[in-house]
Amino acid sequence: YQVHSATFESGILTDDRIHEALYECKQSKGWSIGLSVSGPVQDEILREAMKIKTSDGSKLFDSVQCTYNILEQKPGDALLEAHNSGMDVIIKEGMANGRVFVNEKVKEVSKSSGYSIDELALAFILSQPFQGRVLSGAVTSEQLVSNMKALELSKKLLTDEKELLDVMKGCCMESETYWKDRSALAWN
């Protein structure tokens, strides 16, 4: 079960009744419980969620779905903490809602490295120490084939291509700017 878009304002982080009801579902139905986070304070929300314990002292949340990509890297430390605590990490918006394809820094890295933009963007995520699973967003077989090349590149980023990984880290935007720009996108 995944709680969608947990926020400080939603009550999911503070309402003990919700925590106990979710814990009951874990116990009686065998469910894993996760949450998704978004926005410039998603790292803070995740850290708060990781503190939540059930009546028997076990952690409530088993997984997190979080926005992390070559442009929005702020939650990286919190995601590593979640991974190290045993949480499953699922990454959404790996392509930054398409913005990686128009970002000048990312286009420059793609041109100089010879790797496609989607390959770079997904490989960057896959090479992170929190070992996230990535929701790629591929909708055509061509996109899927291109996205799959990221698996091999992610291995290279951890061995032969460490300089490229450092360059890719330099594509990061300020989190507030990332989310402000995201909120201005035309959604269909």
Protein backbone atom coordinates (compact mmCIF):
# COMPACT_ATOMS: atom_id res chain seq x y z
CA TYR A 1 0.00 0.00 0.00
CA GLN A 2 1.39 3.40 -0.99
CA VAL A 3 0.30 6.65 0.70
CA HIS A 4 0.33 9.20 -2.13
CA SER A 5 1.95 12.63 -1.74
CA ALA A 6 2.68 12.68 1.97
CA THR A 7 3.16 16.21 3.30
CA PHE A 8 3.64 17.85 6.67
CA GLU A 9 0.14 19.31 6.29
CA SER A 10 -1.66 16.06 5.39
CA GLY A 11 -1.56 14.53 8.86
CA ILE A 12 -0.01 11.26 7.70
CA LEU A 13 3.15 12.01 9.66
CA THR A 14 1.44 12.89 12.95
CA ASP A 15 -1.87 11.01 13.21
CA ASP A 16 -1.32 7.97 15.41
CA ARG A 17 -4.74 6.56 14.41
CA ILE A 18 -3.64 6.41 10.77
CA HIS A 19 -0.35 4.83 11.81
CA GLU A 20 -2.12 2.11 13.78
CA ALA A 21 -4.63 1.47 10.97
CA LEU A 22 -1.78 1.08 8.48
CA TYR A 23 0.06 -1.17 10.92
CA GLU A 24 -3.07 -3.31 11.26
CA CYS A 25 -3.09 -3.71 7.46
CA LYS A 26 0.56 -4.77 7.57
CA GLN A 27 -0.21 -7.35 10.23
CA SER A 28 -3.53 -8.72 9.01
CA LYS A 29 -3.08 -8.50 5.25
CA GLY A 30 0.69 -8.84 4.95
CA TRP A 31 0.96 -5.50 3.17
CA SER A 32 4.11 -3.47 2.82
CA ILE A 33 3.44 0.20 3.49
CA GLY A 34 5.06 2.98 1.52
CA LEU A 35 4.68 6.67 0.86
CA SER A 36 5.39 9.03 -1.99
CA VAL A 37 6.89 12.46 -1.44
CA SER A 38 7.27 15.53 -3.66
CA GLY A 39 8.41 19.11 -3.45
CA PRO A 40 11.40 21.03 -2.16
CA VAL A 41 11.15 19.52 1.35
CA GLN A 42 10.63 15.88 0.31
CA ASP A 43 13.88 14.96 2.07
CA GLU A 44 12.57 16.40 5.34
CA ILE A 45 9.22 14.62 4.93
CA LEU A 46 11.01 11.32 4.30
CA ARG A 47 13.20 11.73 7.38
CA GLU A 48 10.14 12.46 9.49
CA ALA A 49 8.34 9.42 8.08
CA MET A 50 11.34 7.23 8.92
CA LYS A 51 10.93 8.15 12.60
CA ILE A 52 7.38 6.76 12.78
CA LYS A 53 7.17 3.56 14.79
CA THR A 54 4.22 1.30 15.41
CA SER A 55 2.96 0.19 18.80
CA ASP A 56 5.38 -2.75 18.78
CA GLY A 57 8.33 -0.45 17.98
CA SER A 58 8.77 -1.50 14.35
CA LYS A 59 9.03 1.03 11.54
CA LEU A 60 5.79 1.83 9.75
CA PHE A 61 7.04 2.57 6.23
CA ASP A 62 8.75 -0.04 4.08
CA SER A 63 9.25 2.00 0.91
CA VAL A 64 9.42 5.52 -0.45
CA GLN A 65 8.69 6.89 -3.89
CA CYS A 66 10.58 10.14 -4.36
CA THR A 67 11.51 12.59 -7.10
CA TYR A 68 15.22 12.41 -7.78
CA ASN A 69 17.03 13.10 -11.03
CA ILE A 70 20.05 14.76 -12.60
CA LEU A 71 18.40 18.18 -12.03
CA GLU A 72 16.85 17.55 -8.57
CA GLN A 73 19.46 15.91 -6.36
CA LYS A 74 18.58 17.38 -2.96
CA PRO A 75 16.91 14.24 -1.50
CA GLY A 76 19.94 12.03 -2.22
CA ASP A 77 21.23 11.89 1.37
CA ALA A 78 17.76 11.17 2.77
CA LEU A 79 17.25 8.43 0.17
CA LEU A 80 20.53 6.83 1.21
CA GLU A 81 19.41 6.96 4.85
CA ALA A 82 16.13 5.31 3.83
CA HIS A 83 17.96 2.61 1.87
CA ASN A 84 20.35 1.99 4.78
CA SER A 85 17.37 1.62 7.12
CA GLY A 86 15.94 -1.14 4.92
CA MET A 87 13.41 0.87 2.93
CA ASP A 88 12.84 0.14 -0.74
CA VAL A 89 13.58 3.29 -2.80
CA ILE A 90 11.51 3.99 -5.91
CA ILE A 91 12.46 6.99 -8.03
CA LYS A 92 9.87 8.95 -9.98
CA GLU A 93 10.42 11.73 -12.50
CA GLY A 94 13.78 10.36 -13.59
CA MET A 95 13.54 12.46 -16.74
CA ALA A 96 12.38 15.53 -14.77
CA ASN A 97 9.10 15.58 -16.69
CA GLY A 98 11.06 15.87 -19.95
CA ARG A 99 13.13 18.82 -18.80
CA VAL A 100 16.40 16.86 -19.05
CA PHE A 101 15.99 17.02 -22.84
CA VAL A 102 16.00 20.83 -22.91
CA ASN A 103 18.48 21.53 -20.11
CA GLU A 104 21.60 23.10 -21.62
CA LYS A 105 24.03 21.51 -19.14
CA VAL A 106 22.59 18.04 -19.71
CA LYS A 107 22.64 18.52 -23.49
CA GLU A 108 26.28 19.60 -23.27
CA VAL A 109 27.22 16.51 -21.22
CA SER A 110 25.36 14.31 -23.71
CA LYS A 111 27.14 15.83 -26.68
CA SER A 112 30.61 15.68 -25.11
CA SER A 113 30.19 12.13 -23.76
CA GLY A 114 28.43 10.55 -26.73
CA TYR A 115 25.64 9.13 -24.55
CA SER A 116 21.98 9.96 -25.14
CA ILE A 117 20.24 12.26 -22.69
CA ASP A 118 17.85 9.60 -21.39
CA GLU A 119 20.72 7.14 -21.01
CA LEU A 120 22.66 9.70 -18.95
CA ALA A 121 19.67 10.72 -16.85
CA LEU A 122 18.65 7.19 -15.89
CA ALA A 123 22.22 5.94 -15.45
CA PHE A 124 22.88 8.81 -13.08
CA ILE A 125 20.02 7.62 -10.86
CA LEU A 126 20.92 3.95 -11.12
CA SER A 127 24.50 4.68 -10.05
CA GLN A 128 23.44 6.28 -6.76
CA PRO A 129 24.30 4.43 -3.53
CA PHE A 130 20.63 4.29 -2.47
CA GLN A 131 20.06 1.74 -5.26
CA GLY A 132 16.70 3.06 -6.35
CA ARG A 133 14.32 1.45 -8.78
CA VAL A 134 13.43 3.96 -11.48
CA LEU A 135 10.08 4.65 -13.08
CA SER A 136 11.38 5.59 -16.53
CA GLY A 137 8.23 6.85 -18.20
CA ALA A 138 9.00 5.12 -21.51
CA VAL A 139 5.90 4.92 -23.70
CA THR A 140 7.35 3.57 -26.96
CA SER A 141 9.53 0.55 -27.69
CA GLU A 142 12.25 2.92 -28.96
CA GLN A 143 12.24 4.81 -25.66
CA LEU A 144 12.38 1.56 -23.73
CA VAL A 145 15.36 0.28 -25.75
CA SER A 146 17.16 3.60 -25.24
CA ASN A 147 16.32 3.64 -21.53
CA MET A 148 17.67 0.11 -21.10
CA LYS A 149 21.13 1.27 -22.22
CA ALA A 150 21.29 3.16 -18.92
CA LEU A 151 21.87 -0.11 -17.05
CA GLU A 152 25.25 -0.66 -18.68
CA LEU A 153 26.26 2.99 -18.37
CA SER A 154 25.36 3.01 -14.67
CA LYS A 155 27.94 0.26 -14.08
CA LYS A 156 30.56 2.27 -15.99
CA LEU A 157 29.79 5.37 -13.93
CA LEU A 158 30.84 3.46 -10.83
CA THR A 159 34.10 2.22 -12.34
CA ASP A 160 35.55 3.64 -15.59
CA GLU A 161 33.49 6.83 -15.92
CA LYS A 162 33.74 8.42 -12.47
CA GLU A 163 34.68 11.78 -14.03
CA LEU A 164 31.46 11.71 -16.07
CA LEU A 165 29.48 11.04 -12.89
CA ASP A 166 31.07 14.12 -11.29
CA VAL A 167 30.18 16.22 -14.35
CA MET A 168 26.60 14.96 -14.17
CA LYS A 169 26.39 15.98 -10.50
CA GLY A 170 27.13 19.50 -11.76
CA CYS A 171 23.83 19.55 -13.67
CA CYS A 172 21.93 19.92 -10.40
CA MET A 173 19.52 22.83 -9.94
CA GLU A 174 18.56 24.51 -6.70
CA SER A 175 15.63 22.52 -5.36
CA GLU A 176 13.35 25.55 -4.96
CA THR A 177 14.00 26.51 -8.61
CA TYR A 178 13.40 22.96 -9.80
CA TRP A 179 9.98 22.81 -8.12
CA LYS A 180 9.00 26.33 -9.16
CA ASP A 181 9.80 25.48 -12.79
CA ARG A 182 7.95 22.16 -12.44
CA SER A 183 4.82 23.88 -11.16
CA ALA A 184 4.81 26.10 -14.27
CA LEU A 185 4.73 23.11 -16.65
CA ALA A 186 1.64 22.63 -18.82
CA TRP A 187 0.14 19.27 -17.82
CA ASN A 188 -2.10 17.34 -20.17
